Amino acid sequence: MDFKIEHTWDGLPVKHEPAFVRLNPGDGGVMMEVSAPFFNDPPAPLGEPGKPFNELWDYEVVEAFFLNDITKQYLEVELCPYAHIADMKESKGNNICFFQTLMGNFNFDSHGQHLVLLLSGRRNVWKKELALSYKVCTGETKWEGRAYLPWSYFPPHVTKFNAFAIHGSKDKRNYEALYPVPRHELQQGQKPDFHRLEYFKPFGFNTLLGEEWKQPESELWLTEKPDVQEYSR
């Protein structure tokens, strides 16, 4: 399943190559691949590469949201382009790493920073900074990441989806959405809000895994009672 983030959060076309998200079946979960322009703005977070970084949304990221629109339970996955510079291998011709995925031959050998949140109700986080197998490769102008999302992270019966890309600093901050707020619904002074769940679009893993497939139950969601806290961004 392929998705291109071609609009800003308020429905205008982006002025650069769009960020690209691909979802593929994995062993016991979903492989999420990202291909996006690398703006290097703002600079990299100070956290340890390969570890969760709280408030990663303040940096350069691509995000994916998986929602059950009945219970309003959802999974938020944030991936950023940063890892150890010394781990990045660049080609002589175009200064891009080597691995075989969306853009060509790349080698994922750098563990990137990430953030995984579980939410129960709009903005209500009940689990954060979950571990994630995530590798990234970043060149001068493009980056790609690959993250393995286990089924245990997904809320039961995912029915809707949205994806976002963020980059830039201060007044040059750019917020982009796969499914933006429709232009005719914008209000004066409205600001970007990626938790407007009403704008998410229908989504089902059956498209990826077949009509007979059933989403595995998640012990994480079924056995742990959410202790929610609202967060702002």
C-alpha atoms as a PDB file:
ATOM      1  CA  MET A   1       0.000   0.000   0.000  1.00  0.00           C
ATOM      2  CA  ASP A   2       1.525   3.261  -1.146  1.00  0.00           C
ATOM      3  CA  PHE A   3       0.699   6.809  -0.050  1.00  0.00           C
ATOM      4  CA  LYS A   4       2.058  10.170  -1.193  1.00  0.00           C
ATOM      5  CA  ILE A   5       1.775  13.230   1.060  1.00  0.00           C
ATOM      6  CA  GLU A   6       1.095  15.787  -1.658  1.00  0.00           C
ATOM      7  CA  HIS A   7      -0.653  18.587   0.254  1.00  0.00           C
ATOM      8  CA  THR A   8      -0.108  20.889   3.170  1.00  0.00           C
ATOM      9  CA  TRP A   9      -2.318  20.367   6.221  1.00  0.00           C
ATOM     10  CA  ASP A  10      -4.760  22.960   4.808  1.00  0.00           C
ATOM     11  CA  GLY A  11      -5.014  21.510   1.315  1.00  0.00           C
ATOM     12  CA  LEU A  12      -2.418  23.365  -0.768  1.00  0.00           C
ATOM     13  CA  PRO A  13      -0.031  21.416  -3.044  1.00  0.00           C
ATOM     14  CA  VAL A  14       3.456  20.914  -1.603  1.00  0.00           C
ATOM     15  CA  LYS A  15       6.266  22.670  -3.482  1.00  0.00           C
ATOM     16  CA  HIS A  16       8.743  19.807  -3.415  1.00  0.00           C
ATOM     17  CA  GLU A  17       8.913  16.080  -4.028  1.00  0.00           C
ATOM     18  CA  PRO A  18       6.253  14.599  -1.736  1.00  0.00           C
ATOM     19  CA  ALA A  19       7.034  12.301   1.156  1.00  0.00           C
ATOM     20  CA  PHE A  20       6.128   8.707   0.396  1.00  0.00           C
ATOM     21  CA  VAL A  21       4.883   6.004   2.781  1.00  0.00           C
ATOM     22  CA  ARG A  22       4.668   2.320   1.921  1.00  0.00           C
ATOM     23  CA  LEU A  23       3.107  -0.431   4.053  1.00  0.00           C
ATOM     24  CA  ASN A  24       4.026  -4.066   3.450  1.00  0.00           C
ATOM     25  CA  PRO A  25       3.172  -7.243   5.349  1.00  0.00           C
ATOM     26  CA  GLY A  26       5.913  -8.405   7.713  1.00  0.00           C
ATOM     27  CA  ASP A  27       6.483 -11.374   9.965  1.00  0.00           C
ATOM     28  CA  GLY A  28       4.058 -10.711  12.812  1.00  0.00           C
ATOM     29  CA  GLY A  29       3.389  -7.105  11.872  1.00  0.00           C
ATOM     30  CA  VAL A  30       3.732  -4.418   9.220  1.00  0.00           C
ATOM     31  CA  MET A  31       6.828  -3.007   7.574  1.00  0.00           C
ATOM     32  CA  MET A  32       6.511   0.768   7.199  1.00  0.00           C
ATOM     33  CA  GLU A  33       8.868   2.373   4.685  1.00  0.00           C
ATOM     34  CA  VAL A  34       9.362   6.109   4.264  1.00  0.00           C
ATOM     35  CA  SER A  35      11.005   8.019   1.431  1.00  0.00           C
ATOM     36  CA  ALA A  36      11.178  11.805   1.775  1.00  0.00           C
ATOM     37  CA  PRO A  37      13.213  14.901   0.919  1.00  0.00           C
ATOM     38  CA  PHE A  38      15.820  15.734   3.534  1.00  0.00           C
ATOM     39  CA  PHE A  39      15.634  19.371   4.645  1.00  0.00           C
ATOM     40  CA  ASN A  40      17.932  19.083   7.692  1.00  0.00           C
ATOM     41  CA  ASP A  41      15.783  21.734   9.361  1.00  0.00           C
ATOM     42  CA  PRO A  42      15.526  21.873  12.302  1.00  0.00           C
ATOM     43  CA  PRO A  43      18.824  20.234  13.322  1.00  0.00           C
ATOM     44  CA  ALA A  44      18.830  16.719  14.717  1.00  0.00           C
ATOM     45  CA  PRO A  45      17.435  16.023  18.203  1.00  0.00           C
ATOM     46  CA  LEU A  46      20.015  15.496  20.934  1.00  0.00           C
ATOM     47  CA  GLY A  47      18.677  12.095  21.892  1.00  0.00           C
ATOM     48  CA  GLU A  48      20.462   8.778  21.413  1.00  0.00           C
ATOM     49  CA  PRO A  49      20.099   7.319  17.892  1.00  0.00           C
ATOM     50  CA  GLY A  50      17.959   4.203  17.816  1.00  0.00           C
ATOM     51  CA  LYS A  51      16.042   5.202  20.943  1.00  0.00           C
ATOM     52  CA  PRO A  52      12.594   6.798  21.372  1.00  0.00           C
ATOM     53  CA  PHE A  53      12.686  10.576  21.600  1.00  0.00           C
ATOM     54  CA  ASN A  54       9.814  12.369  23.323  1.00  0.00           C
ATOM     55  CA  GLU A  55       8.333  15.345  21.433  1.00  0.00           C
ATOM     56  CA  LEU A  56       9.962  14.218  18.194  1.00  0.00           C
ATOM     57  CA  TRP A  57       7.152  16.055  16.395  1.00  0.00           C
ATOM     58  CA  ASP A  58       9.084  19.288  17.015  1.00  0.00           C
ATOM     59  CA  TYR A  59      11.725  18.101  14.516  1.00  0.00           C
ATOM     60  CA  GLU A  60      11.761  16.790  10.947  1.00  0.00           C
ATOM     61  CA  VAL A  61       9.495  13.744  10.836  1.00  0.00           C
ATOM     62  CA  VAL A  62       7.112  11.608   8.824  1.00  0.00           C
ATOM     63  CA  GLU A  63       4.191  10.238  10.819  1.00  0.00           C
ATOM     64  CA  ALA A  64       1.528   7.563  10.346  1.00  0.00           C
ATOM     65  CA  PHE A  65      -1.711   7.220  12.342  1.00  0.00           C
ATOM     66  CA  PHE A  66      -3.785   4.011  12.486  1.00  0.00           C
ATOM     67  CA  LEU A  67      -7.266   4.565  13.942  1.00  0.00           C
ATOM     68  CA  ASN A  68     -10.275   2.597  15.093  1.00  0.00           C
ATOM     69  CA  ASP A  69     -12.905   5.242  14.402  1.00  0.00           C
ATOM     70  CA  ILE A  70     -15.485   3.620  16.686  1.00  0.00           C
ATOM     71  CA  THR A  71     -13.417   3.417  19.878  1.00  0.00           C
ATOM     72  CA  LYS A  72     -11.141   6.366  18.906  1.00  0.00           C
ATOM     73  CA  GLN A  73      -8.131   4.257  19.830  1.00  0.00           C
ATOM     74  CA  TYR A  74      -5.110   4.822  17.628  1.00  0.00           C
ATOM     75  CA  LEU A  75      -1.443   4.167  17.042  1.00  0.00           C
ATOM     76  CA  GLU A  76       0.882   7.058  16.161  1.00  0.00           C
ATOM     77  CA  VAL A  77       4.291   6.307  14.632  1.00  0.00           C
ATOM     78  CA  GLU A  78       6.874   9.070  14.105  1.00  0.00           C
ATOM     79  CA  LEU A  79      10.089   8.506  12.160  1.00  0.00           C
ATOM     80  CA  CYS A  80      12.889  10.997  11.644  1.00  0.00           C
ATOM     81  CA  PRO A  81      15.910  11.013   9.303  1.00  0.00           C
ATOM     82  CA  TYR A  82      18.603  11.274  11.948  1.00  0.00           C
ATOM     83  CA  ALA A  83      21.141   8.671  13.044  1.00  0.00           C
ATOM     84  CA  HIS A  84      24.905   8.506  13.558  1.00  0.00           C
ATOM     85  CA  ILE A  85      26.492  10.409  10.660  1.00  0.00           C
ATOM     86  CA  ALA A  86      29.469   8.059  10.818  1.00  0.00           C
ATOM     87  CA  ASP A  87      27.157   5.136  10.061  1.00  0.00           C
ATOM     88  CA  MET A  88      25.849   6.686   6.827  1.00  0.00           C
ATOM     89  CA  LYS A  89      27.434   5.401   3.615  1.00  0.00           C
ATOM     90  CA  GLU A  90      27.105   7.737   0.663  1.00  0.00           C
ATOM     91  CA  SER A  91      27.688   7.009  -2.993  1.00  0.00           C
ATOM     92  CA  LYS A  92      30.314   9.014  -4.860  1.00  0.00           C
ATOM     93  CA  GLY A  93      27.946  10.187  -7.572  1.00  0.00           C
ATOM     94  CA  ASN A  94      24.838  11.422  -5.837  1.00  0.00           C
ATOM     95  CA  ASN A  95      25.618  11.377  -2.090  1.00  0.00           C
ATOM     96  CA  ILE A  96      22.799   8.953  -1.305  1.00  0.00           C
ATOM     97  CA  CYS A  97      23.127   5.827   0.840  1.00  0.00           C
ATOM     98  CA  PHE A  98      22.799   2.329  -0.566  1.00  0.00           C
ATOM     99  CA  PHE A  99      19.789   0.068   0.040  1.00  0.00           C
ATOM    100  CA  GLN A 100      17.238  -1.743  -2.080  1.00  0.00           C
ATOM    101  CA  THR A 101      13.821  -0.201  -1.459  1.00  0.00           C
ATOM    102  CA  LEU A 102      11.805   2.738  -2.743  1.00  0.00           C
ATOM    103  CA  MET A 103      14.614   4.760  -4.359  1.00  0.00           C
ATOM    104  CA  GLY A 104      17.288   2.221  -5.263  1.00  0.00           C
ATOM    105  CA  ASN A 105      20.209   0.430  -3.661  1.00  0.00           C
ATOM    106  CA  PHE A 106      20.641   1.303  -0.005  1.00  0.00           C
ATOM    107  CA  ASN A 107      22.004  -0.379   3.107  1.00  0.00           C
ATOM    108  CA  PHE A 108      20.024   0.212   6.294  1.00  0.00           C
ATOM    109  CA  ASP A 109      22.776   0.154   8.913  1.00  0.00           C
ATOM    110  CA  SER A 110      21.874   3.189  11.029  1.00  0.00           C
ATOM    111  CA  HIS A 111      19.347   3.080  13.863  1.00  0.00           C
ATOM    112  CA  GLY A 112      17.136   6.153  13.684  1.00  0.00           C
ATOM    113  CA  GLN A 113      15.270   8.124  16.304  1.00  0.00           C
ATOM    114  CA  HIS A 114      11.563   7.501  16.556  1.00  0.00           C
ATOM    115  CA  LEU A 115       8.469   7.892  18.709  1.00  0.00           C
ATOM    116  CA  VAL A 116       5.566   5.466  19.109  1.00  0.00           C
ATOM    117  CA  LEU A 117       2.420   6.509  20.972  1.00  0.00           C
ATOM    118  CA  LEU A 118      -0.772   4.639  21.832  1.00  0.00           C
ATOM    119  CA  LEU A 119      -3.809   6.876  22.288  1.00  0.00           C
ATOM    120  CA  SER A 120      -7.307   6.212  23.601  1.00  0.00           C
ATOM    121  CA  GLY A 121      -9.482   9.146  22.625  1.00  0.00           C
ATOM    122  CA  ARG A 122      -8.338  12.254  20.797  1.00  0.00           C
ATOM    123  CA  ARG A 123      -4.911  13.341  22.097  1.00  0.00           C
ATOM    124  CA  ASN A 124      -5.148  11.018  25.107  1.00  0.00           C
ATOM    125  CA  VAL A 125      -1.820   9.197  25.296  1.00  0.00           C
ATOM    126  CA  TRP A 126      -1.740   6.101  27.495  1.00  0.00           C
ATOM    127  CA  LYS A 127       1.502   4.543  26.295  1.00  0.00           C
ATOM    128  CA  LYS A 128       4.532   6.311  24.829  1.00  0.00           C
ATOM    129  CA  GLU A 129       8.140   5.784  23.808  1.00  0.00           C
ATOM    130  CA  LEU A 130       7.582   2.141  22.875  1.00  0.00           C
ATOM    131  CA  ALA A 131      10.550   0.257  21.465  1.00  0.00           C
ATOM    132  CA  LEU A 132      10.786   0.101  17.675  1.00  0.00           C
ATOM    133  CA  SER A 133      12.998  -1.685  15.197  1.00  0.00           C
ATOM    134  CA  TYR A 134      13.816   1.251  12.917  1.00  0.00           C
ATOM    135  CA  LYS A 135      16.699   1.857  10.552  1.00  0.00           C
ATOM    136  CA  VAL A 136      17.344   4.924   8.462  1.00  0.00           C
ATOM    137  CA  CYS A 137      19.643   6.010   5.671  1.00  0.00           C
ATOM    138  CA  THR A 138      20.095   9.710   4.916  1.00  0.00           C
ATOM    139  CA  GLY A 139      21.820  11.465   2.035  1.00  0.00           C
ATOM    140  CA  GLU A 140      22.296  15.140   1.293  1.00  0.00           C
ATOM    141  CA  THR A 141      18.828  15.665  -0.184  1.00  0.00           C
ATOM    142  CA  LYS A 142      16.798  12.505   0.565  1.00  0.00           C
ATOM    143  CA  TRP A 143      16.238  10.047   3.362  1.00  0.00           C
ATOM    144  CA  GLU A 144      14.558   6.701   3.735  1.00  0.00           C
ATOM    145  CA  GLY A 145      13.543   4.731   6.771  1.00  0.00           C
ATOM    146  CA  ARG A 146      12.208   1.275   7.477  1.00  0.00           C
ATOM    147  CA  ALA A 147      10.333   0.425  10.672  1.00  0.00           C
ATOM    148  CA  TYR A 148       8.798  -2.847  11.808  1.00  0.00           C
ATOM    149  CA  LEU A 149       5.435  -2.332  13.535  1.00  0.00           C
ATOM    150  CA  PRO A 150       4.292  -5.410  15.497  1.00  0.00           C
ATOM    151  CA  TRP A 151       0.589  -6.230  15.529  1.00  0.00           C
ATOM    152  CA  SER A 152       0.551  -5.733  19.300  1.00  0.00           C
ATOM    153  CA  TYR A 153       0.933  -1.976  18.771  1.00  0.00           C
ATOM    154  CA  PHE A 154      -2.194  -1.650  16.627  1.00  0.00           C
ATOM    155  CA  PRO A 155      -5.570  -1.052  18.282  1.00  0.00           C
ATOM    156  CA  PRO A 156      -8.228  -3.665  17.499  1.00  0.00           C
ATOM    157  CA  HIS A 157      -9.985  -3.254  14.142  1.00  0.00           C
ATOM    158  CA  VAL A 158      -8.071  -0.438  12.455  1.00  0.00           C
ATOM    159  CA  THR A 159     -10.519   1.296  10.109  1.00  0.00           C
ATOM    160  CA  LYS A 160      -8.946   4.646   9.190  1.00  0.00           C
ATOM    161  CA  PHE A 161      -5.546   6.105   8.392  1.00  0.00           C
ATOM    162  CA  ASN A 162      -3.681   9.345   7.869  1.00  0.00           C
ATOM    163  CA  ALA A 163      -0.048  10.311   7.374  1.00  0.00           C
ATOM    164  CA  PHE A 164       1.866  13.547   7.833  1.00  0.00           C
ATOM    165  CA  ALA A 165       5.249  15.154   7.179  1.00  0.00           C
ATOM    166  CA  ILE A 166       6.792  18.054   9.109  1.00  0.00           C
ATOM    167  CA  HIS A 167       9.939  20.080   8.506  1.00  0.00           C
ATOM    168  CA  GLY A 168      11.300  23.614   8.848  1.00  0.00           C
ATOM    169  CA  SER A 169      11.791  25.983  11.773  1.00  0.00           C
ATOM    170  CA  LYS A 170       9.819  28.859  13.306  1.00  0.00           C
ATOM    171  CA  ASP A 171       7.845  30.794  10.662  1.00  0.00           C
ATOM    172  CA  LYS A 172       9.139  28.416   7.967  1.00  0.00           C
ATOM    173  CA  ARG A 173       7.646  25.372   9.689  1.00  0.00           C
ATOM    174  CA  ASN A 174       5.754  23.219   7.169  1.00  0.00           C
ATOM    175  CA  TYR A 175       2.972  20.786   8.048  1.00  0.00           C
ATOM    176  CA  GLU A 176       1.829  18.378   5.349  1.00  0.00           C
ATOM    177  CA  ALA A 177      -0.986  15.813   5.318  1.00  0.00           C
ATOM    178  CA  LEU A 178      -2.029  12.846   3.242  1.00  0.00           C
ATOM    179  CA  TYR A 179      -5.658  13.751   3.973  1.00  0.00           C
ATOM    180  CA  PRO A 180      -5.730  17.494   4.740  1.00  0.00           C
ATOM    181  CA  VAL A 181      -8.501  19.663   6.108  1.00  0.00           C
ATOM    182  CA  PRO A 182     -10.743  20.516   3.128  1.00  0.00           C
ATOM    183  CA  ARG A 183     -10.259  24.091   2.008  1.00  0.00           C
ATOM    184  CA  HIS A 184     -13.955  24.923   2.387  1.00  0.00           C
ATOM    185  CA  GLU A 185     -13.912  23.840   6.053  1.00  0.00           C
ATOM    186  CA  LEU A 186     -11.002  26.024   7.153  1.00  0.00           C
ATOM    187  CA  GLN A 187     -11.723  28.565   9.878  1.00  0.00           C
ATOM    188  CA  GLN A 188     -10.027  31.924  10.281  1.00  0.00           C
ATOM    189  CA  GLY A 189      -6.913  31.570  12.439  1.00  0.00           C
ATOM    190  CA  GLN A 190      -7.032  27.776  12.339  1.00  0.00           C
ATOM    191  CA  LYS A 191      -3.739  26.015  13.036  1.00  0.00           C
ATOM    192  CA  PRO A 192      -2.516  22.555  11.988  1.00  0.00           C
ATOM    193  CA  ASP A 193      -3.797  19.740  14.173  1.00  0.00           C
ATOM    194  CA  PHE A 194      -2.967  16.168  13.206  1.00  0.00           C
ATOM    195  CA  HIS A 195      -5.475  14.808  15.715  1.00  0.00           C
ATOM    196  CA  ARG A 196      -8.518  15.898  13.727  1.00  0.00           C
ATOM    197  CA  LEU A 197      -9.646  12.310  13.452  1.00  0.00           C
ATOM    198  CA  GLU A 198     -12.708  13.234  11.403  1.00  0.00           C
ATOM    199  CA  TYR A 199     -10.473  13.860   8.387  1.00  0.00           C
ATOM    200  CA  PHE A 200      -8.868  10.425   8.415  1.00  0.00           C
ATOM    201  CA  LYS A 201      -9.923   8.219   5.485  1.00  0.00           C
ATOM    202  CA  PRO A 202     -11.131   4.582   5.385  1.00  0.00           C
ATOM    203  CA  PHE A 203      -8.371   2.027   5.585  1.00  0.00           C
ATOM    204  CA  GLY A 204      -8.176  -1.719   6.011  1.00  0.00           C
ATOM    205  CA  PHE A 205      -5.330  -4.199   6.186  1.00  0.00           C
ATOM    206  CA  ASN A 206      -7.457  -6.626   4.165  1.00  0.00           C
ATOM    207  CA  THR A 207      -6.444  -4.686   1.066  1.00  0.00           C
ATOM    208  CA  LEU A 208      -2.877  -5.662   1.879  1.00  0.00           C
ATOM    209  CA  LEU A 209      -3.395  -9.128   3.340  1.00  0.00           C
ATOM    210  CA  GLY A 210      -6.546 -10.487   1.674  1.00  0.00           C
ATOM    211  CA  GLU A 211     -10.258 -10.529   2.424  1.00  0.00           C
ATOM    212  CA  GLU A 212     -10.055 -13.582   4.711  1.00  0.00           C
ATOM    213  CA  TRP A 213      -7.334 -12.114   6.908  1.00  0.00           C
ATOM    214  CA  LYS A 214      -8.234 -11.077  10.443  1.00  0.00           C
ATOM    215  CA  GLN A 215      -6.205  -8.668  12.534  1.00  0.00           C
ATOM    216  CA  PRO A 216      -4.460 -10.507  15.395  1.00  0.00           C
ATOM    217  CA  GLU A 217      -5.591  -9.557  18.874  1.00  0.00           C
ATOM    218  CA  SER A 218      -3.244  -7.340  20.795  1.00  0.00           C
ATOM    219  CA  GLU A 219      -2.528  -8.357  24.385  1.00  0.00           C
ATOM    220  CA  LEU A 220      -1.167  -4.868  24.949  1.00  0.00           C
ATOM    221  CA  TRP A 221      -4.506  -3.240  24.144  1.00  0.00           C
ATOM    222  CA  LEU A 222      -6.695  -5.974  25.642  1.00  0.00           C
ATOM    223  CA  THR A 223      -4.925  -6.584  28.952  1.00  0.00           C
ATOM    224  CA  GLU A 224      -3.743  -3.110  29.898  1.00  0.00           C
ATOM    225  CA  LYS A 225      -6.252  -0.504  30.968  1.00  0.00           C
ATOM    226  CA  PRO A 226      -5.376   2.853  29.428  1.00  0.00           C
ATOM    227  CA  ASP A 227      -4.169   5.442  31.932  1.00  0.00           C
ATOM    228  CA  VAL A 228      -4.594   8.418  29.655  1.00  0.00           C
ATOM    229  CA  GLN A 229      -3.011  11.842  29.686  1.00  0.00           C
ATOM    230  CA  GLU A 230      -3.778  14.600  27.220  1.00  0.00           C
ATOM    231  CA  TYR A 231      -0.881  16.098  25.352  1.00  0.00           C
ATOM    232  CA  SER A 232      -0.576  19.134  23.100  1.00  0.00           C
ATOM    233  CA  ARG A 233       1.541  19.729  20.040  1.00  0.00           C
END
